[in-house]
C-alpha atoms as a PDB file:
ATOM      1  CA  UNK A   1      74.227  75.891 114.087  1.00  0.00           C
ATOM      2  CA  UNK A   2      75.880  79.289 114.492  1.00  0.00           C
ATOM      3  CA  UNK A   3      76.717  81.121 111.290  1.00  0.00           C
ATOM      4  CA  UNK A   4      80.404  82.066 111.218  1.00  0.00           C
ATOM      5  CA  UNK A   5      80.680  82.978 107.557  1.00  0.00           C
ATOM      6  CA  UNK A   6      78.454  85.207 105.455  1.00  0.00           C
ATOM      7  CA  UNK A   7      75.380  84.427 103.453  1.00  0.00           C
ATOM      8  CA  UNK A   8      75.107  86.529 100.320  1.00  0.00           C
ATOM      9  CA  UNK A   9      73.763  89.935 101.240  1.00  0.00           C
ATOM     10  CA  UNK A  10      70.592  91.053  99.462  1.00  0.00           C
ATOM     11  CA  UNK A  11      69.862  94.525 100.821  1.00  0.00           C
ATOM     12  CA  UNK A  12      68.670  96.354  97.708  1.00  0.00           C
ATOM     13  CA  UNK A  13      71.522  98.864  97.738  1.00  0.00           C
ATOM     14  CA  UNK A  14      72.806 100.158  94.422  1.00  0.00           C
ATOM     15  CA  UNK A  15      76.377  99.563  93.294  1.00  0.00           C
ATOM     16  CA  UNK A  16      77.068 103.275  93.752  1.00  0.00           C
ATOM     17  CA  UNK A  17      75.771 103.200  97.344  1.00  0.00           C
ATOM     18  CA  UNK A  18      77.927 100.206  98.216  1.00  0.00           C
ATOM     19  CA  UNK A  19      80.971 101.858  96.632  1.00  0.00           C
ATOM     20  CA  UNK A  20      80.444 105.038  98.641  1.00  0.00           C
ATOM     21  CA  UNK A  21      80.125 103.027 101.860  1.00  0.00           C
ATOM     22  CA  UNK A  22      83.306 101.084 101.147  1.00  0.00           C
ATOM     23  CA  UNK A  23      85.236 104.252 100.282  1.00  0.00           C
ATOM     24  CA  UNK A  24      84.046 105.855 103.533  1.00  0.00           C
ATOM     25  CA  UNK A  25      85.533 103.020 105.624  1.00  0.00           C
ATOM     26  CA  UNK A  26      88.615 104.583 107.265  1.00  0.00           C
ATOM     27  CA  UNK A  27      89.825 101.232 108.577  1.00  0.00           C
ATOM     28  CA  UNK A  28      90.622  99.866 105.151  1.00  0.00           C
ATOM     29  CA  UNK A  29      94.399  99.456 104.832  1.00  0.00           C
ATOM     30  CA  UNK A  30      95.928 100.784 101.608  1.00  0.00           C
ATOM     31  CA  UNK A  31      98.752  99.416  99.500  1.00  0.00           C
ATOM     32  CA  UNK A  32      99.992 102.977  99.084  1.00  0.00           C
ATOM     33  CA  UNK A  33     102.642 104.376  96.776  1.00  0.00           C
ATOM     34  CA  UNK A  34     106.142 102.978  96.532  1.00  0.00           C
ATOM     35  CA  UNK A  35     109.163 104.825  95.169  1.00  0.00           C
ATOM     36  CA  UNK A  36     108.479 104.889  91.438  1.00  0.00           C
ATOM     37  CA  UNK A  37     105.273 104.603  89.508  1.00  0.00           C
ATOM     38  CA  UNK A  38     104.255 103.924  85.935  1.00  0.00           C
ATOM     39  CA  UNK A  39     100.992 105.059  84.405  1.00  0.00           C
ATOM     40  CA  UNK A  40      99.251 102.454  82.258  1.00  0.00           C
ATOM     41  CA  UNK A  41      96.489 103.917  80.086  1.00  0.00           C
ATOM     42  CA  UNK A  42      94.126 101.237  78.820  1.00  0.00           C
ATOM     43  CA  UNK A  43      92.216 101.552  75.541  1.00  0.00           C
ATOM     44  CA  UNK A  44      91.951 105.309  75.086  1.00  0.00           C
ATOM     45  CA  UNK A  45      91.061 104.571  71.485  1.00  0.00           C
ATOM     46  CA  UNK A  46      88.237 105.976  69.429  1.00  0.00           C
ATOM     47  CA  UNK A  47      86.186 102.783  69.498  1.00  0.00           C
ATOM     48  CA  UNK A  48      85.673 103.350  73.207  1.00  0.00           C
ATOM     49  CA  UNK A  49      86.030 107.111  73.728  1.00  0.00           C
ATOM     50  CA  UNK A  50      84.437 108.834  70.712  1.00  0.00           C
ATOM     51  CA  UNK A  51      80.755 108.850  71.625  1.00  0.00           C
ATOM     52  CA  UNK A  52      80.216 111.104  68.613  1.00  0.00           C
ATOM     53  CA  UNK A  53      81.501 108.449  66.228  1.00  0.00           C
ATOM     54  CA  UNK A  54      80.988 104.915  67.553  1.00  0.00           C
ATOM     55  CA  UNK A  55      78.168 103.049  69.284  1.00  0.00           C
ATOM     56  CA  UNK A  56      80.748 101.102  71.295  1.00  0.00           C
ATOM     57  CA  UNK A  57      82.074 104.286  72.941  1.00  0.00           C
ATOM     58  CA  UNK A  58      81.054 105.430  76.420  1.00  0.00           C
ATOM     59  CA  UNK A  59      81.674 108.317  78.804  1.00  0.00           C
ATOM     60  CA  UNK A  60      81.598 108.494  82.594  1.00  0.00           C
ATOM     61  CA  UNK A  61      83.560 111.573  83.656  1.00  0.00           C
ATOM     62  CA  UNK A  62      83.786 114.088  80.767  1.00  0.00           C
ATOM     63  CA  UNK A  63      87.235 115.148  82.049  1.00  0.00           C
ATOM     64  CA  UNK A  64      88.613 111.600  82.006  1.00  0.00           C
ATOM     65  CA  UNK A  65      91.193 112.162  79.270  1.00  0.00           C
ATOM     66  CA  UNK A  66      92.124 115.565  80.679  1.00  0.00           C
ATOM     67  CA  UNK A  67      92.975 113.902  83.994  1.00  0.00           C
ATOM     68  CA  UNK A  68      94.923 111.158  82.218  1.00  0.00           C
ATOM     69  CA  UNK A  69      96.953 113.797  80.380  1.00  0.00           C
ATOM     70  CA  UNK A  70      97.626 115.693  83.598  1.00  0.00           C
ATOM     71  CA  UNK A  71      99.074 112.742  85.500  1.00  0.00           C
ATOM     72  CA  UNK A  72     101.031 111.736  82.396  1.00  0.00           C
ATOM     73  CA  UNK A  73     102.709 115.146  82.180  1.00  0.00           C
ATOM     74  CA  UNK A  74     103.576 115.045  85.865  1.00  0.00           C
ATOM     75  CA  UNK A  75     104.963 111.520  85.633  1.00  0.00           C
ATOM     76  CA  UNK A  76     107.202 112.365  82.675  1.00  0.00           C
ATOM     77  CA  UNK A  77     108.507 115.446  84.492  1.00  0.00           C
ATOM     78  CA  UNK A  78     109.558 113.190  87.373  1.00  0.00           C
ATOM     79  CA  UNK A  79     111.243 110.634  85.089  1.00  0.00           C
ATOM     80  CA  UNK A  80     108.493 108.044  85.485  1.00  0.00           C
ATOM     81  CA  UNK A  81     107.201 106.014  82.510  1.00  0.00           C
ATOM     82  CA  UNK A  82     103.869 106.423  80.734  1.00  0.00           C
ATOM     83  CA  UNK A  83     102.331 103.578  78.741  1.00  0.00           C
ATOM     84  CA  UNK A  84      99.425 103.677  76.273  1.00  0.00           C
ATOM     85  CA  UNK A  85      97.701 100.457  75.207  1.00  0.00           C
ATOM     86  CA  UNK A  86      94.883  99.738  72.788  1.00  0.00           C
ATOM     87  CA  UNK A  87      93.299  96.742  71.101  1.00  0.00           C
ATOM     88  CA  UNK A  88      93.095  95.625  67.460  1.00  0.00           C
ATOM     89  CA  UNK A  89      93.166  92.480  65.354  1.00  0.00           C
ATOM     90  CA  UNK A  90      94.198  91.044  62.009  1.00  0.00           C
ATOM     91  CA  UNK A  91      91.795  91.352  59.096  1.00  0.00           C
ATOM     92  CA  UNK A  92      90.943  87.671  59.596  1.00  0.00           C
ATOM     93  CA  UNK A  93      90.404  88.205  63.358  1.00  0.00           C
ATOM     94  CA  UNK A  94      92.113  84.867  63.969  1.00  0.00           C
ATOM     95  CA  UNK A  95      94.259  86.466  66.668  1.00  0.00           C
ATOM     96  CA  UNK A  96      91.127  87.317  68.693  1.00  0.00           C
ATOM     97  CA  UNK A  97      90.793  83.658  69.614  1.00  0.00           C
ATOM     98  CA  UNK A  98      87.760  82.516  71.574  1.00  0.00           C
ATOM     99  CA  UNK A  99      87.067  86.112  72.617  1.00  0.00           C
ATOM    100  CA  UNK A 100      85.978  86.843  69.053  1.00  0.00           C
ATOM    101  CA  UNK A 101      83.410  84.042  68.855  1.00  0.00           C
ATOM    102  CA  UNK A 102      80.351  85.536  70.530  1.00  0.00           C
ATOM    103  CA  UNK A 103      79.303  88.115  67.943  1.00  0.00           C
ATOM    104  CA  UNK A 104      80.337  89.172  64.469  1.00  0.00           C
ATOM    105  CA  UNK A 105      78.966  92.590  63.590  1.00  0.00           C
ATOM    106  CA  UNK A 106      80.745  95.766  62.432  1.00  0.00           C
ATOM    107  CA  UNK A 107      80.800  96.847  66.102  1.00  0.00           C
ATOM    108  CA  UNK A 108      82.241  93.583  67.408  1.00  0.00           C
ATOM    109  CA  UNK A 109      85.519  93.626  69.298  1.00  0.00           C
ATOM    110  CA  UNK A 110      87.363  91.422  66.804  1.00  0.00           C
ATOM    111  CA  UNK A 111      86.437  93.811  63.998  1.00  0.00           C
ATOM    112  CA  UNK A 112      88.646  96.569  65.380  1.00  0.00           C
ATOM    113  CA  UNK A 113      91.335  96.359  62.700  1.00  0.00           C
ATOM    114  CA  UNK A 114      94.897  97.613  62.798  1.00  0.00           C
ATOM    115  CA  UNK A 115      95.116 101.153  61.451  1.00  0.00           C
ATOM    116  CA  UNK A 116      91.370 101.715  61.504  1.00  0.00           C
ATOM    117  CA  UNK A 117      89.534 104.689  62.977  1.00  0.00           C
ATOM    118  CA  UNK A 118      88.380 102.459  65.831  1.00  0.00           C
ATOM    119  CA  UNK A 119      91.999 101.507  66.549  1.00  0.00           C
ATOM    120  CA  UNK A 120      93.227 105.122  66.535  1.00  0.00           C
ATOM    121  CA  UNK A 121      93.970 106.805  69.832  1.00  0.00           C
ATOM    122  CA  UNK A 122      91.552 109.547  70.802  1.00  0.00           C
ATOM    123  CA  UNK A 123      93.094 112.799  69.472  1.00  0.00           C
ATOM    124  CA  UNK A 124      92.612 114.377  72.913  1.00  0.00           C
ATOM    125  CA  UNK A 125      95.289 112.051  74.312  1.00  0.00           C
ATOM    126  CA  UNK A 126      98.615 113.836  74.742  1.00  0.00           C
ATOM    127  CA  UNK A 127     100.999 111.043  73.823  1.00  0.00           C
ATOM    128  CA  UNK A 128     104.712 111.797  73.992  1.00  0.00           C
ATOM    129  CA  UNK A 129     107.250 110.171  71.693  1.00  0.00           C
ATOM    130  CA  UNK A 130     108.994 108.857  74.814  1.00  0.00           C
ATOM    131  CA  UNK A 131     105.891 106.966  75.951  1.00  0.00           C
ATOM    132  CA  UNK A 132     105.591 103.228  75.371  1.00  0.00           C
ATOM    133  CA  UNK A 133     102.751 102.402  72.969  1.00  0.00           C
ATOM    134  CA  UNK A 134     101.527  98.999  71.896  1.00  0.00           C
ATOM    135  CA  UNK A 135      98.462  97.082  70.746  1.00  0.00           C
ATOM    136  CA  UNK A 136      97.160  94.248  72.894  1.00  0.00           C
ATOM    137  CA  UNK A 137      94.606  91.602  72.003  1.00  0.00           C
ATOM    138  CA  UNK A 138      93.200  90.483  75.357  1.00  0.00           C
ATOM    139  CA  UNK A 139      91.734  92.398  78.328  1.00  0.00           C
ATOM    140  CA  UNK A 140      94.868  92.800  80.405  1.00  0.00           C
ATOM    141  CA  UNK A 141      97.607  95.199  79.329  1.00  0.00           C
ATOM    142  CA  UNK A 142     100.038  92.577  80.667  1.00  0.00           C
ATOM    143  CA  UNK A 143      98.902  89.546  78.655  1.00  0.00           C
ATOM    144  CA  UNK A 144     101.497  88.636  75.991  1.00  0.00           C
ATOM    145  CA  UNK A 145     102.773  92.238  75.841  1.00  0.00           C
ATOM    146  CA  UNK A 146     106.098  93.972  76.657  1.00  0.00           C
ATOM    147  CA  UNK A 147     104.649  95.616  79.762  1.00  0.00           C
ATOM    148  CA  UNK A 148     106.027  93.373  82.508  1.00  0.00           C
ATOM    149  CA  UNK A 149     109.635  93.487  81.305  1.00  0.00           C
ATOM    150  CA  UNK A 150     109.345  97.234  80.635  1.00  0.00           C
ATOM    151  CA  UNK A 151     108.299  97.880  84.236  1.00  0.00           C
ATOM    152  CA  UNK A 152     111.133  95.704  85.553  1.00  0.00           C
ATOM    153  CA  UNK A 153     113.663  97.628  83.462  1.00  0.00           C
ATOM    154  CA  UNK A 154     112.365 100.936  84.827  1.00  0.00           C
ATOM    155  CA  UNK A 155     112.446  99.629  88.427  1.00  0.00           C
ATOM    156  CA  UNK A 156     108.783 100.460  88.919  1.00  0.00           C
ATOM    157  CA  UNK A 157     106.998  99.338  92.081  1.00  0.00           C
ATOM    158  CA  UNK A 158     103.638 101.097  91.660  1.00  0.00           C
ATOM    159  CA  UNK A 159     101.228 100.905  88.717  1.00  0.00           C
ATOM    160  CA  UNK A 160      98.516 103.490  88.071  1.00  0.00           C
ATOM    161  CA  UNK A 161      95.766 102.055  85.845  1.00  0.00           C
ATOM    162  CA  UNK A 162      93.406 104.316  83.891  1.00  0.00           C
ATOM    163  CA  UNK A 163      91.068 103.917  80.927  1.00  0.00           C
ATOM    164  CA  UNK A 164      88.166 101.671  80.066  1.00  0.00           C
ATOM    165  CA  UNK A 165      86.249  99.768  80.659  1.00  0.00           C
ATOM    166  CA  UNK A 166      86.318  99.706  84.460  1.00  0.00           C
ATOM    167  CA  UNK A 167      84.643  96.290  84.461  1.00  0.00           C
ATOM    168  CA  UNK A 168      86.786  94.908  81.655  1.00  0.00           C
ATOM    169  CA  UNK A 169      90.293  95.860  80.635  1.00  0.00           C
ATOM    170  CA  UNK A 170      90.962  98.205  83.578  1.00  0.00           C
ATOM    171  CA  UNK A 171      89.977  95.546  86.065  1.00  0.00           C
ATOM    172  CA  UNK A 172      91.949  92.835  84.241  1.00  0.00           C
ATOM    173  CA  UNK A 173      95.047  95.036  84.106  1.00  0.00           C
ATOM    174  CA  UNK A 174      94.757  95.981  87.791  1.00  0.00           C
ATOM    175  CA  UNK A 175      94.402  92.347  88.862  1.00  0.00           C
ATOM    176  CA  UNK A 176      97.449  91.377  86.811  1.00  0.00           C
ATOM    177  CA  UNK A 177      99.431  94.320  88.211  1.00  0.00           C
ATOM    178  CA  UNK A 178      98.772  93.062  91.729  1.00  0.00           C
ATOM    179  CA  UNK A 179      99.582  89.506  90.650  1.00  0.00           C
ATOM    180  CA  UNK A 180     102.967  90.663  89.338  1.00  0.00           C
ATOM    181  CA  UNK A 181     103.684  92.219  92.729  1.00  0.00           C
ATOM    182  CA  UNK A 182     102.980  95.887  92.045  1.00  0.00           C
ATOM    183  CA  UNK A 183     101.226  98.324  94.325  1.00  0.00           C
ATOM    184  CA  UNK A 184      98.206  99.130  92.193  1.00  0.00           C
ATOM    185  CA  UNK A 185      96.206 102.352  92.155  1.00  0.00           C
ATOM    186  CA  UNK A 186      93.079 103.126  90.116  1.00  0.00           C
ATOM    187  CA  UNK A 187      92.161 106.850  89.970  1.00  0.00           C
ATOM    188  CA  UNK A 188      88.377 107.076  90.008  1.00  0.00           C
ATOM    189  CA  UNK A 189      87.867 109.921  87.522  1.00  0.00           C
ATOM    190  CA  UNK A 190      90.188 108.349  84.947  1.00  0.00           C
ATOM    191  CA  UNK A 191      88.042 105.246  84.427  1.00  0.00           C
ATOM    192  CA  UNK A 192      84.837 104.786  82.460  1.00  0.00           C
ATOM    193  CA  UNK A 193      82.187 102.189  81.718  1.00  0.00           C
ATOM    194  CA  UNK A 194      78.859 101.863  79.926  1.00  0.00           C
ATOM    195  CA  UNK A 195      76.681 101.623  83.045  1.00  0.00           C
ATOM    196  CA  UNK A 196      77.121 102.943  86.566  1.00  0.00           C
ATOM    197  CA  UNK A 197      76.313  99.505  87.977  1.00  0.00           C
ATOM    198  CA  UNK A 198      79.293  97.871  86.233  1.00  0.00           C
ATOM    199  CA  UNK A 199      81.492 100.864  86.973  1.00  0.00           C
ATOM    200  CA  UNK A 200      80.865 101.148  90.698  1.00  0.00           C
ATOM    201  CA  UNK A 201      80.589  97.413  91.361  1.00  0.00           C
ATOM    202  CA  UNK A 202      84.028  96.874  89.872  1.00  0.00           C
ATOM    203  CA  UNK A 203      85.581  99.883  91.612  1.00  0.00           C
ATOM    204  CA  UNK A 204      84.254  98.411  94.861  1.00  0.00           C
ATOM    205  CA  UNK A 205      85.738  95.014  94.100  1.00  0.00           C
ATOM    206  CA  UNK A 206      89.079  96.548  93.140  1.00  0.00           C
ATOM    207  CA  UNK A 207      89.171  98.597  96.337  1.00  0.00           C
ATOM    208  CA  UNK A 208      88.357  95.605  98.528  1.00  0.00           C
ATOM    209  CA  UNK A 209      90.799  93.185  96.928  1.00  0.00           C
ATOM    210  CA  UNK A 210      93.245  94.317  94.281  1.00  0.00           C
ATOM    211  CA  UNK A 211      93.998  98.050  94.281  1.00  0.00           C
ATOM    212  CA  UNK A 212      93.765 101.383  96.001  1.00  0.00           C
ATOM    213  CA  UNK A 213      90.850 103.189  94.372  1.00  0.00           C
ATOM    214  CA  UNK A 214      91.595 106.861  94.860  1.00  0.00           C
ATOM    215  CA  UNK A 215      90.509 110.298  93.617  1.00  0.00           C
ATOM    216  CA  UNK A 216      92.866 111.369  90.840  1.00  0.00           C
ATOM    217  CA  UNK A 217      93.963 114.303  92.997  1.00  0.00           C
ATOM    218  CA  UNK A 218      95.751 111.828  95.292  1.00  0.00           C
ATOM    219  CA  UNK A 219      97.967 110.782  92.372  1.00  0.00           C
ATOM    220  CA  UNK A 220      98.490 114.398  91.324  1.00  0.00           C
ATOM    221  CA  UNK A 221      99.501 115.403  94.863  1.00  0.00           C
ATOM    222  CA  UNK A 222     101.954 112.509  95.161  1.00  0.00           C
ATOM    223  CA  UNK A 223     103.624 113.319  91.861  1.00  0.00           C
ATOM    224  CA  UNK A 224     103.832 117.038  92.597  1.00  0.00           C
ATOM    225  CA  UNK A 225     105.450 116.307  95.959  1.00  0.00           C
ATOM    226  CA  UNK A 226     108.215 114.146  94.495  1.00  0.00           C
END
């Protein structure tokens, strides 16, 4: 019998190699930019960014937050909204639900408490008083948050997703952005994860299915040209 579909490929390539091959494919159609974007920064909080303070923190590109600040400044200058999200829970952690069941150590997700150092935004983040800020409790920045209605009010058609982790909350937010009907763009240098395998495998999956994965300079150029 002729094989029409695909058997799972096992070629020994690394996640980074596969990502580079996918990004080099010029035939891949892009969603592209619309007329108005919003930048959604996911979990730029100390629990995940301060490698000098917390074991749960990680770094991929050392200029990640610098790039996030740059596109934020450009977006504000063009009258486009900037959103900062982070995660935290009640002292009882009851609002973490089933997600808080797997471990219970000082480093566990559900033990990021409101107002704690782990909850605090990284001080390198340049957050404007006009930016929307809120705390979420699940991976996606859309789940049970004000984000969807906020984007509708601002007549946004394109969502830029940054932050961490690439394999977790960035991916979940990007998938939901597409599901809500937004053109979705993930700037490579603005995302981070604990291991290059998770990072590049998820960037590949996002590029193939849910988002345009682009160098951050593409977003900068688009904003500067507006």
